[in-house]
Amino acid sequence: MNFKDILAEKSVFINKDALSPHYLPEKIIHREKEIEKIMRVMAPVFKNKRPNNVFIYGKTGTGKTSSVKYIMKQFKELPSNGIINYINCRMYNTRYKILQKLANDIVGFSKNGFPPSHFYERIMSWINNGNRFLIIVLDEIDVIKDLNELIYTITRANDELKAGGISIIGISNKISFKNQLDNRSKSALLESEVVFPPYNSEQLKEILTYRANLGFNENSCDTSAINLAAAIAARETGDARYALKLLMYAGEIADERKDDVVTYRHVEEARKSVEKDLVMEAVATLPEHQQLVLYSLALLSIRGSKYQKLNEENDEYFMMGELYEAYQKTCKELKREVRSSRWCKEYIKELEALGLVETISSGKGIRGHSTLIRLLYSKDWIRKTVEGMLLH
């Protein structure tokens, strides 16, 4: 076997990239209303007026980032005094890093060792001197550590500017993150809001059919594969990324077996790999303290409860108080600052929303009223996965 032999093998794919969640297609299906709403917010820039800030939220895989990138492409095709700058906040998660990146992208200056005010002044000068409008897309805005300070800086900038302006497009998977903003930041950031609802089964079928026509050779993907991938994703989360990965992995399995057509059987087999892949991705993108809570729950699940439960059927569940004790111990061992039990409860809510844990109210047999929590994935696998991320 050599590379020539591998490259000569038949494949169900004509363009595998078209099935990637990161691929930007020519058209975005079933997001026309949301795209129009965002475009209307941004349109004043073409009349030399500053657009409102806009906050976009919805669950993972609802087309938020793809829609904004599609709008950015359209935006750049028309002449204006505006510029859009996209920032992935997973990589640039502080006010300093964001101002430094903006200064580099806009005026080509990104040297380390300078205070934030230096980058700020360069950006301000660029805007003022050309009567320009800067639109900053902050993808996963909720992970910015000092978001209130960043919003305050931008709000102040608009008060100081003699010409032009700065606007924010914030994208988040978490609606609850707004509760962490102070009132001034909230009123500035939430001038316009756009919600991206989950896709239903029929919408996912259309999205997958469109992508399958781009990604697979003719007659290489059976409708049964598309229907099952759409049904699974709709039932689980309404997540288009999940559906696309199911179809792409199914195609890879078909290629491995030298099958000419992708069918529902390949999708069924792909499901386990995709679920593990998405859980790994979800865990990797969790804030550190949510990872610490998840890790503590995995350790509890392995060691077992030190409290005797009258209802042994619930031996996979742990009381909130016991989990908080385990979390405190984990934080001390890993030399991390311990957050309050109230924050721990918030982290559990986020983990449950992501489908990583399940909670129930305690019934008879446990004194008082408590929330019981259990892992929804393998305790050993979760422990190893999170441990690798926390100790890297």
Protein backbone atom coordinates (compact mmCIF):
# COMPACT_ATOMS: atom_id res chain seq x y z
CA MET A 1 0.00 0.00 0.00
CA ASN A 2 1.26 3.50 -0.87
CA PHE A 3 -0.24 7.01 -1.25
CA LYS A 4 -1.03 6.42 -4.94
CA ASP A 5 -3.07 3.33 -4.04
CA ILE A 6 -4.97 5.24 -1.35
CA LEU A 7 -5.66 8.20 -3.67
CA ALA A 8 -6.88 5.84 -6.41
CA GLU A 9 -9.53 4.29 -4.15
CA LYS A 10 -13.18 5.09 -4.90
CA SER A 11 -14.92 7.43 -2.50
CA VAL A 12 -18.52 8.45 -1.85
CA PHE A 13 -17.25 12.03 -1.38
CA ILE A 14 -16.71 14.63 -4.07
CA ASN A 15 -16.00 17.45 -1.57
CA LYS A 16 -15.89 16.30 2.06
CA ASP A 17 -15.33 19.88 3.27
CA ALA A 18 -18.91 20.75 2.24
CA LEU A 19 -20.12 18.48 5.07
CA SER A 20 -17.90 20.14 7.68
CA PRO A 21 -19.67 22.34 10.26
CA HIS A 22 -17.02 25.00 9.51
CA TYR A 23 -17.80 25.18 5.78
CA LEU A 24 -19.51 28.40 4.67
CA PRO A 25 -22.00 27.58 1.89
CA GLU A 26 -23.24 30.00 -0.77
CA LYS A 27 -26.62 30.21 0.95
CA ILE A 28 -27.74 29.78 4.55
CA ILE A 29 -30.98 27.80 4.71
CA HIS A 30 -33.72 28.57 7.27
CA ARG A 31 -31.98 31.61 8.73
CA GLU A 32 -33.31 34.22 6.28
CA LYS A 33 -35.31 36.14 8.93
CA GLU A 34 -32.44 36.25 11.41
CA ILE A 35 -29.96 37.33 8.71
CA GLU A 36 -32.31 40.11 7.54
CA LYS A 37 -32.73 41.38 11.10
CA ILE A 38 -28.95 41.57 11.65
CA MET A 39 -28.44 43.23 8.25
CA ARG A 40 -31.05 45.88 9.10
CA VAL A 41 -29.18 46.67 12.34
CA MET A 42 -25.92 47.06 10.38
CA ALA A 43 -27.35 48.95 7.37
CA PRO A 44 -26.89 52.51 8.83
CA VAL A 45 -23.12 52.17 8.30
CA PHE A 46 -23.71 52.57 4.54
CA LYS A 47 -25.23 55.99 5.33
CA ASN A 48 -22.24 56.96 7.51
CA LYS A 49 -24.11 56.31 10.76
CA ARG A 50 -23.05 54.08 13.65
CA PRO A 51 -25.07 50.82 13.85
CA ASN A 52 -26.54 49.64 17.15
CA ASN A 53 -24.80 46.92 19.09
CA VAL A 54 -26.48 43.57 18.49
CA PHE A 55 -26.46 40.45 20.66
CA ILE A 56 -27.09 37.08 18.98
CA TYR A 57 -27.80 33.98 21.00
CA GLY A 58 -28.99 30.42 20.55
CA LYS A 59 -27.79 26.90 21.25
CA THR A 60 -24.75 25.37 19.58
CA GLY A 61 -25.35 24.40 15.94
CA THR A 62 -28.16 26.87 15.23
CA GLY A 63 -26.26 28.75 12.51
CA LYS A 64 -25.20 31.88 14.43
CA THR A 65 -21.56 32.05 13.33
CA SER A 66 -22.30 30.88 9.76
CA SER A 67 -24.99 33.55 9.40
CA VAL A 68 -22.71 36.31 10.66
CA LYS A 69 -19.87 35.18 8.35
CA TYR A 70 -22.32 35.15 5.45
CA ILE A 71 -23.35 38.73 6.36
CA MET A 72 -19.68 39.76 6.61
CA LYS A 73 -19.10 38.46 3.08
CA GLN A 74 -22.09 40.47 1.79
CA PHE A 75 -20.95 43.54 3.74
CA LYS A 76 -17.49 43.56 2.15
CA GLU A 77 -18.97 43.53 -1.35
CA LEU A 78 -20.50 47.03 -0.90
CA PRO A 79 -18.44 50.22 -0.58
CA SER A 80 -18.65 51.87 2.85
CA ASN A 81 -16.62 53.62 5.50
CA GLY A 82 -17.05 50.57 7.71
CA ILE A 83 -14.90 47.57 8.49
CA ILE A 84 -15.91 44.31 10.19
CA ASN A 85 -13.38 42.51 12.36
CA TYR A 86 -14.12 38.94 13.52
CA ILE A 87 -12.64 37.78 16.85
CA ASN A 88 -12.84 34.26 18.29
CA CYS A 89 -13.06 34.93 22.03
CA ARG A 90 -11.82 31.43 22.87
CA MET A 91 -8.44 32.66 21.63
CA TYR A 92 -8.74 36.33 22.60
CA ASN A 93 -10.51 36.26 25.96
CA THR A 94 -9.49 39.53 27.64
CA ARG A 95 -9.89 43.24 26.90
CA TYR A 96 -6.11 43.52 26.45
CA LYS A 97 -5.89 40.68 23.89
CA ILE A 98 -8.88 42.02 21.96
CA LEU A 99 -7.55 45.60 21.79
CA GLN A 100 -4.13 44.26 20.78
CA LYS A 101 -5.66 42.13 17.99
CA LEU A 102 -7.76 45.05 16.74
CA ALA A 103 -4.71 47.35 16.68
CA ASN A 104 -2.80 44.69 14.72
CA ASP A 105 -5.61 43.97 12.23
CA ILE A 106 -6.46 47.63 11.65
CA VAL A 107 -3.16 49.55 11.86
CA GLY A 108 -0.62 46.72 11.90
CA PHE A 109 0.61 47.31 15.46
CA SER A 110 0.60 44.45 18.00
CA LYS A 111 3.84 44.67 20.00
CA ASN A 112 3.74 43.25 23.51
CA GLY A 113 4.61 45.29 26.55
CA PHE A 114 2.39 48.25 25.75
CA PRO A 115 -0.57 49.13 28.00
CA PRO A 116 -4.15 48.72 26.68
CA SER A 117 -4.43 52.52 26.42
CA HIS A 118 -1.74 52.48 23.70
CA PHE A 119 -3.75 50.10 21.47
CA TYR A 120 -6.91 52.04 22.30
CA GLU A 121 -5.40 55.36 21.18
CA ARG A 122 -4.17 53.88 17.88
CA ILE A 123 -7.64 52.46 17.13
CA MET A 124 -9.29 55.79 18.08
CA SER A 125 -6.90 57.74 15.86
CA TRP A 126 -7.61 55.42 12.89
CA ILE A 127 -11.38 55.88 13.34
CA ASN A 128 -11.24 59.66 13.90
CA ASN A 129 -8.89 60.43 11.03
CA GLY A 130 -10.97 58.60 8.45
CA ASN A 131 -14.48 59.06 9.86
CA ARG A 132 -14.57 55.24 9.96
CA PHE A 133 -16.96 52.74 11.55
CA LEU A 134 -15.54 49.66 13.24
CA ILE A 135 -17.87 46.68 13.77
CA ILE A 136 -16.35 44.06 16.09
CA VAL A 137 -17.77 40.52 15.96
CA LEU A 138 -17.11 38.84 19.32
CA ASP A 139 -17.85 35.13 18.86
CA GLU A 140 -18.46 33.35 22.18
CA ILE A 141 -18.51 36.73 23.91
CA ASP A 142 -19.43 35.03 27.20
CA VAL A 143 -15.86 33.71 27.72
CA ILE A 144 -14.29 37.21 27.86
CA LYS A 145 -12.97 37.47 31.42
CA ASP A 146 -13.37 41.25 31.78
CA LEU A 147 -16.33 41.84 29.47
CA ASN A 148 -17.77 44.71 31.53
CA GLU A 149 -14.48 46.60 31.21
CA LEU A 150 -14.36 45.96 27.43
CA ILE A 151 -17.93 47.22 26.92
CA TYR A 152 -17.22 50.24 29.11
CA THR A 153 -14.12 51.01 26.99
CA ILE A 154 -16.13 50.85 23.75
CA THR A 155 -19.02 52.89 25.18
CA ARG A 156 -16.56 55.54 26.35
CA ALA A 157 -14.85 55.48 22.94
CA ASN A 158 -18.12 56.39 21.20
CA ASP A 159 -18.60 59.29 23.64
CA GLU A 160 -15.10 60.59 22.83
CA LEU A 161 -15.04 60.08 19.06
CA LYS A 162 -15.57 63.20 16.93
CA ALA A 163 -16.32 61.13 13.84
CA GLY A 164 -17.12 57.47 13.10
CA GLY A 165 -17.91 54.90 15.77
CA ILE A 166 -17.50 51.39 17.18
CA SER A 167 -20.24 48.73 17.34
CA ILE A 168 -20.30 45.20 18.75
CA ILE A 169 -21.92 42.05 17.38
CA GLY A 170 -21.85 39.60 20.29
CA ILE A 171 -22.50 35.88 19.72
CA SER A 172 -23.21 33.48 22.59
CA ASN A 173 -24.58 29.97 23.21
CA LYS A 174 -25.62 31.03 26.73
CA ILE A 175 -28.57 33.29 27.39
CA SER A 176 -27.84 33.31 31.14
CA PHE A 177 -24.45 35.01 30.73
CA LYS A 178 -26.25 38.39 30.49
CA ASN A 179 -26.91 38.09 34.24
CA GLN A 180 -23.17 38.57 34.84
CA LEU A 181 -23.17 42.00 33.16
CA ASP A 182 -23.57 45.20 35.15
CA ASN A 183 -26.50 47.47 34.24
CA ARG A 184 -24.43 49.85 32.12
CA SER A 185 -22.95 47.03 30.04
CA LYS A 186 -26.37 45.39 29.69
CA SER A 187 -28.04 48.52 28.32
CA ALA A 188 -25.15 49.11 25.89
CA LEU A 189 -24.77 45.54 24.63
CA LEU A 190 -28.43 44.59 24.31
CA GLU A 191 -29.57 47.44 22.05
CA SER A 192 -30.76 44.81 19.55
CA GLU A 193 -31.19 41.10 20.16
CA VAL A 194 -31.59 38.22 17.70
CA VAL A 195 -32.53 34.71 18.88
CA PHE A 196 -31.60 31.64 16.79
CA PRO A 197 -34.02 28.80 17.67
CA PRO A 198 -33.00 25.13 17.26
CA TYR A 199 -33.74 23.54 13.87
CA ASN A 200 -36.58 21.04 13.57
CA SER A 201 -36.36 17.73 11.69
CA GLU A 202 -37.73 19.06 8.37
CA GLN A 203 -35.34 22.04 8.40
CA LEU A 204 -32.40 19.74 9.14
CA LYS A 205 -33.43 17.48 6.23
CA GLU A 206 -33.28 20.44 3.84
CA ILE A 207 -29.92 21.60 5.21
CA LEU A 208 -28.46 18.08 4.94
CA THR A 209 -29.87 17.54 1.44
CA TYR A 210 -28.28 20.80 0.28
CA ARG A 211 -24.91 19.90 1.81
CA ALA A 212 -25.07 16.26 0.64
CA ASN A 213 -25.50 17.48 -2.96
CA LEU A 214 -22.31 19.51 -2.54
CA GLY A 215 -20.35 16.88 -0.61
CA PHE A 216 -21.21 13.47 -2.05
CA ASN A 217 -20.91 11.99 -5.52
CA GLU A 218 -24.19 11.66 -7.38
CA ASN A 219 -26.38 8.84 -6.02
CA SER A 220 -23.83 8.13 -3.25
CA CYS A 221 -26.05 9.19 -0.34
CA ASP A 222 -29.40 7.54 0.25
CA THR A 223 -32.31 9.63 1.56
CA SER A 224 -32.58 7.17 4.47
CA ALA A 225 -29.19 8.43 5.73
CA ILE A 226 -30.30 12.08 5.52
CA ASN A 227 -33.65 11.35 7.19
CA LEU A 228 -32.09 9.45 10.09
CA ALA A 229 -29.30 12.02 10.68
CA ALA A 230 -31.91 14.81 10.71
CA ALA A 231 -34.24 12.88 13.05
CA ILE A 232 -31.45 12.06 15.53
CA ALA A 233 -30.16 15.65 15.62
CA ALA A 234 -33.68 17.12 15.94
CA ARG A 235 -34.53 14.76 18.78
CA GLU A 236 -31.28 15.43 20.63
CA THR A 237 -30.63 19.18 20.26
CA GLY A 238 -31.76 20.62 16.92
CA ASP A 239 -28.03 21.04 16.24
CA ALA A 240 -27.06 21.24 12.54
CA ARG A 241 -23.38 20.61 13.36
CA TYR A 242 -24.36 17.31 15.00
CA ALA A 243 -26.40 16.33 11.92
CA LEU A 244 -23.59 17.26 9.51
CA LYS A 245 -21.01 15.32 11.51
CA LEU A 246 -23.29 12.27 11.53
CA LEU A 247 -23.50 12.38 7.75
CA MET A 248 -19.77 13.02 7.26
CA TYR A 249 -18.74 10.20 9.63
CA ALA A 250 -21.27 7.90 7.93
CA GLY A 251 -19.56 8.66 4.61
CA GLU A 252 -16.17 7.83 6.10
CA ILE A 253 -17.50 4.49 7.37
CA ALA A 254 -18.90 3.74 3.89
CA ASP A 255 -15.49 4.50 2.36
CA GLU A 256 -13.69 2.25 4.87
CA ARG A 257 -16.01 -0.61 3.91
CA LYS A 258 -15.81 0.23 0.22
CA ASP A 259 -19.60 0.66 0.07
CA ASP A 260 -20.90 2.70 -2.87
CA VAL A 261 -23.84 4.31 -1.07
CA VAL A 262 -24.21 5.88 2.40
CA THR A 263 -27.34 4.50 4.13
CA TYR A 264 -29.07 4.80 7.50
CA ARG A 265 -26.97 1.85 8.73
CA HIS A 266 -23.78 3.90 8.34
CA VAL A 267 -25.45 6.79 10.22
CA GLU A 268 -26.39 4.45 13.09
CA GLU A 269 -22.76 3.35 13.35
CA ALA A 270 -21.48 6.93 13.12
CA ARG A 271 -23.64 8.04 16.03
CA LYS A 272 -21.34 6.73 18.82
CA SER A 273 -18.25 8.42 17.36
CA VAL A 274 -20.06 11.72 16.83
CA GLU A 275 -21.53 11.79 20.34
CA LYS A 276 -18.09 11.22 21.87
CA ASP A 277 -16.59 13.83 19.57
CA LEU A 278 -19.22 16.44 20.49
CA VAL A 279 -18.99 15.71 24.21
CA MET A 280 -15.21 16.11 24.02
CA GLU A 281 -15.71 19.42 22.20
CA ALA A 282 -18.32 20.58 24.73
CA VAL A 283 -16.06 19.72 27.67
CA ALA A 284 -13.05 21.39 26.06
CA THR A 285 -14.92 24.66 25.65
CA LEU A 286 -16.29 24.76 29.21
CA PRO A 287 -15.02 27.51 31.53
CA GLU A 288 -12.48 26.13 34.02
CA HIS A 289 -14.78 26.02 37.06
CA GLN A 290 -17.44 24.08 35.15
CA GLN A 291 -14.71 21.61 34.21
CA LEU A 292 -13.75 21.40 37.91
CA VAL A 293 -17.36 20.64 38.92
CA LEU A 294 -17.68 17.99 36.18
CA TYR A 295 -14.34 16.45 37.21
CA SER A 296 -15.44 16.38 40.88
CA LEU A 297 -18.69 14.63 39.90
CA ALA A 298 -16.71 12.03 37.92
CA LEU A 299 -14.46 11.38 40.95
CA LEU A 300 -17.53 11.06 43.21
CA SER A 301 -19.08 8.61 40.76
CA ILE A 302 -15.93 6.48 40.80
CA ARG A 303 -15.42 6.54 44.59
CA GLY A 304 -19.08 6.35 45.58
CA SER A 305 -21.03 8.35 48.13
CA LYS A 306 -19.91 8.50 51.76
CA TYR A 307 -23.56 9.09 52.76
CA GLN A 308 -25.89 6.13 53.07
CA LYS A 309 -28.98 6.52 50.92
CA LEU A 310 -32.23 4.82 51.87
CA ASN A 311 -33.13 4.56 48.20
CA GLU A 312 -30.35 2.46 46.67
CA GLU A 313 -31.85 2.84 43.20
CA ASN A 314 -30.39 6.35 43.21
CA ASP A 315 -26.81 5.27 43.90
CA GLU A 316 -25.62 7.04 40.72
CA TYR A 317 -26.99 10.35 42.03
CA PHE A 318 -25.18 12.63 44.45
CA MET A 319 -26.51 15.42 46.65
CA MET A 320 -25.60 18.99 45.77
CA GLY A 321 -23.90 19.45 49.17
CA GLU A 322 -21.71 16.38 48.65
CA LEU A 323 -20.74 17.52 45.15
CA TYR A 324 -19.85 20.98 46.48
CA GLU A 325 -17.58 19.38 49.11
CA ALA A 326 -15.86 17.35 46.37
CA TYR A 327 -15.51 20.51 44.23
CA GLN A 328 -13.91 22.39 47.17
CA LYS A 329 -11.45 19.53 47.67
CA THR A 330 -10.60 19.43 43.94
CA CYS A 331 -9.99 23.20 43.87
CA LYS A 332 -7.65 22.99 46.87
CA GLU A 333 -5.71 20.07 45.39
CA LEU A 334 -5.31 21.85 42.04
CA LYS A 335 -4.64 25.23 43.70
CA ARG A 336 -7.69 26.93 42.19
CA GLU A 337 -9.83 29.55 43.90
CA VAL A 338 -13.03 28.03 45.31
CA ARG A 339 -16.29 29.62 44.12
CA SER A 340 -19.43 29.81 46.27
CA SER A 341 -22.08 27.06 46.42
CA ARG A 342 -24.44 29.43 44.57
CA TRP A 343 -22.01 29.49 41.64
CA CYS A 344 -21.68 25.70 41.83
CA LYS A 345 -25.46 25.42 41.35
CA GLU A 346 -25.25 27.73 38.32
CA TYR A 347 -22.48 25.57 36.83
CA ILE A 348 -24.67 22.48 37.28
CA LYS A 349 -27.50 24.21 35.37
CA GLU A 350 -25.10 24.95 32.48
CA LEU A 351 -23.79 21.37 32.47
CA GLU A 352 -27.36 20.05 32.42
CA ALA A 353 -28.25 22.37 29.52
CA LEU A 354 -25.33 20.85 27.58
CA GLY A 355 -26.59 17.32 28.32
CA LEU A 356 -23.55 16.34 30.40
CA VAL A 357 -25.39 15.80 33.70
CA GLU A 358 -28.94 15.17 34.88
CA THR A 359 -30.62 16.54 38.02
CA ILE A 360 -33.70 15.40 39.92
CA SER A 361 -35.33 16.56 43.16
CA SER A 362 -34.79 14.25 46.11
CA GLY A 363 -37.78 12.24 47.20
CA LYS A 364 -38.50 10.28 50.37
CA GLY A 365 -35.53 8.83 52.17
CA ILE A 366 -33.29 11.89 52.08
CA ARG A 367 -33.68 14.43 54.87
CA GLY A 368 -34.89 17.83 53.68
CA HIS A 369 -35.11 18.93 50.07
CA SER A 370 -32.04 18.52 47.89
CA THR A 371 -31.06 18.36 44.24
CA LEU A 372 -29.53 15.08 43.12
CA ILE A 373 -27.03 15.05 40.25
CA ARG A 374 -25.60 12.28 38.08
CA LEU A 375 -23.24 12.02 35.11
CA LEU A 376 -24.76 11.09 31.76
CA TYR A 377 -21.49 9.74 30.31
CA SER A 378 -18.86 7.22 31.38
CA LYS A 379 -17.33 8.36 34.70
CA ASP A 380 -13.87 7.01 33.78
CA TRP A 381 -13.91 8.62 30.34
CA ILE A 382 -15.10 11.98 31.74
CA ARG A 383 -12.41 11.84 34.47
CA LYS A 384 -9.61 11.16 31.96
CA THR A 385 -10.92 13.74 29.47
CA VAL A 386 -11.30 16.59 31.97
CA GLU A 387 -8.12 15.67 33.86
CA GLY A 388 -6.14 16.02 30.65
CA MET A 389 -7.58 19.51 30.12
CA LEU A 390 -7.13 20.72 33.70
CA LEU A 391 -3.58 19.41 34.08
CA HIS A 392 -2.21 20.21 30.60
